[in-house]
């Protein structure tokens, strides 16, 4: 990706179970966080991200947090 160039188009599952497209956030800064349930540093970072979201609540920025767990990862985690 190059500055000033459009990003790749993709949809992601939002916290309400629906889909949101990256394109729908056009005109905003977008902070994208990728994480998994089995990644302890990822889990430890969540409170910091929540604090950051509060700090920038009324700013022109969208925070996108995407779990990249696979179904296999989710099943494994359920038995830990």
Protein backbone atom coordinates (compact mmCIF):
# COMPACT_ATOMS: atom_id res chain seq x y z
CA UNK A 1 0.00 0.00 0.00
CA UNK A 2 1.21 3.49 -0.79
CA UNK A 3 0.24 6.76 0.89
CA UNK A 4 -2.66 8.42 -0.91
CA UNK A 5 -3.67 5.22 -2.67
CA UNK A 6 -6.92 3.37 -1.92
CA UNK A 7 -6.70 0.44 0.45
CA UNK A 8 -7.81 -3.06 -0.40
CA UNK A 9 -11.57 -3.56 -0.19
CA UNK A 10 -12.81 -5.99 2.44
CA UNK A 11 -15.70 -6.63 4.80
CA UNK A 12 -15.37 -7.82 8.36
CA UNK A 13 -17.76 -9.12 10.98
CA UNK A 14 -18.61 -6.36 13.44
CA UNK A 15 -19.35 -6.73 17.16
CA UNK A 16 -23.09 -6.92 16.49
CA UNK A 17 -22.65 -9.95 14.21
CA UNK A 18 -23.25 -7.98 11.01
CA UNK A 19 -20.80 -6.97 8.31
CA UNK A 20 -18.97 -3.67 7.98
CA UNK A 21 -16.91 -2.71 4.96
CA UNK A 22 -13.66 -0.85 5.16
CA UNK A 23 -15.03 1.32 2.37
CA UNK A 24 -17.81 2.53 4.71
CA UNK A 25 -15.12 4.17 6.84
CA UNK A 26 -13.82 6.27 3.95
CA UNK A 27 -12.62 9.68 5.08
CA UNK A 28 -11.61 8.47 8.55
CA UNK A 29 -8.32 7.33 9.92
CA UNK A 30 -8.63 3.59 10.56
CA UNK A 31 -6.75 1.75 13.30
CA UNK A 32 -6.86 -1.99 12.54
CA UNK A 33 -6.05 -4.47 15.30
CA UNK A 34 -5.73 -8.17 14.40
CA UNK A 35 -5.80 -10.63 17.28
CA UNK A 36 -6.54 -14.21 18.31
CA UNK A 37 -7.98 -15.71 21.48
CA UNK A 38 -4.89 -17.89 22.02
CA UNK A 39 -2.45 -14.95 21.83
CA UNK A 40 -1.82 -13.79 25.40
CA UNK A 41 -0.02 -10.54 24.33
CA UNK A 42 -3.07 -9.77 22.14
CA UNK A 43 -5.44 -10.27 25.08
CA UNK A 44 -3.22 -8.17 27.38
CA UNK A 45 -3.33 -5.33 24.83
CA UNK A 46 -7.15 -5.08 24.82
CA UNK A 47 -7.38 -2.69 27.84
CA UNK A 48 -4.84 -0.37 26.16
CA UNK A 49 -6.88 -0.38 22.96
CA UNK A 50 -10.06 0.36 24.91
CA UNK A 51 -8.33 3.30 26.62
CA UNK A 52 -7.14 4.58 23.24
CA UNK A 53 -10.67 4.31 21.84
CA UNK A 54 -12.01 6.40 24.75
CA UNK A 55 -9.25 8.98 24.29
CA UNK A 56 -10.15 9.43 20.60
CA UNK A 57 -13.92 8.93 20.96
CA UNK A 58 -14.95 12.19 19.29
CA UNK A 59 -12.16 12.25 16.70
CA UNK A 60 -12.21 11.26 13.03
CA UNK A 61 -10.87 7.76 13.65
CA UNK A 62 -12.42 4.30 13.56
CA UNK A 63 -11.04 1.40 15.58
CA UNK A 64 -11.41 -1.99 13.93
CA UNK A 65 -10.54 -5.03 16.04
CA UNK A 66 -10.64 -8.29 14.09
CA UNK A 67 -10.22 -11.78 15.53
CA UNK A 68 -8.39 -13.94 13.04
CA UNK A 69 -9.11 -17.18 14.89
CA UNK A 70 -9.99 -20.11 12.72
CA UNK A 71 -12.84 -22.43 13.63
CA UNK A 72 -10.18 -24.95 14.71
CA UNK A 73 -8.61 -22.33 17.02
CA UNK A 74 -12.01 -21.51 18.54
CA UNK A 75 -12.75 -25.18 19.25
CA UNK A 76 -9.30 -25.70 20.76
CA UNK A 77 -9.74 -22.63 22.97
CA UNK A 78 -13.12 -23.89 24.20
CA UNK A 79 -11.41 -26.95 25.70
CA UNK A 80 -8.51 -25.14 27.39
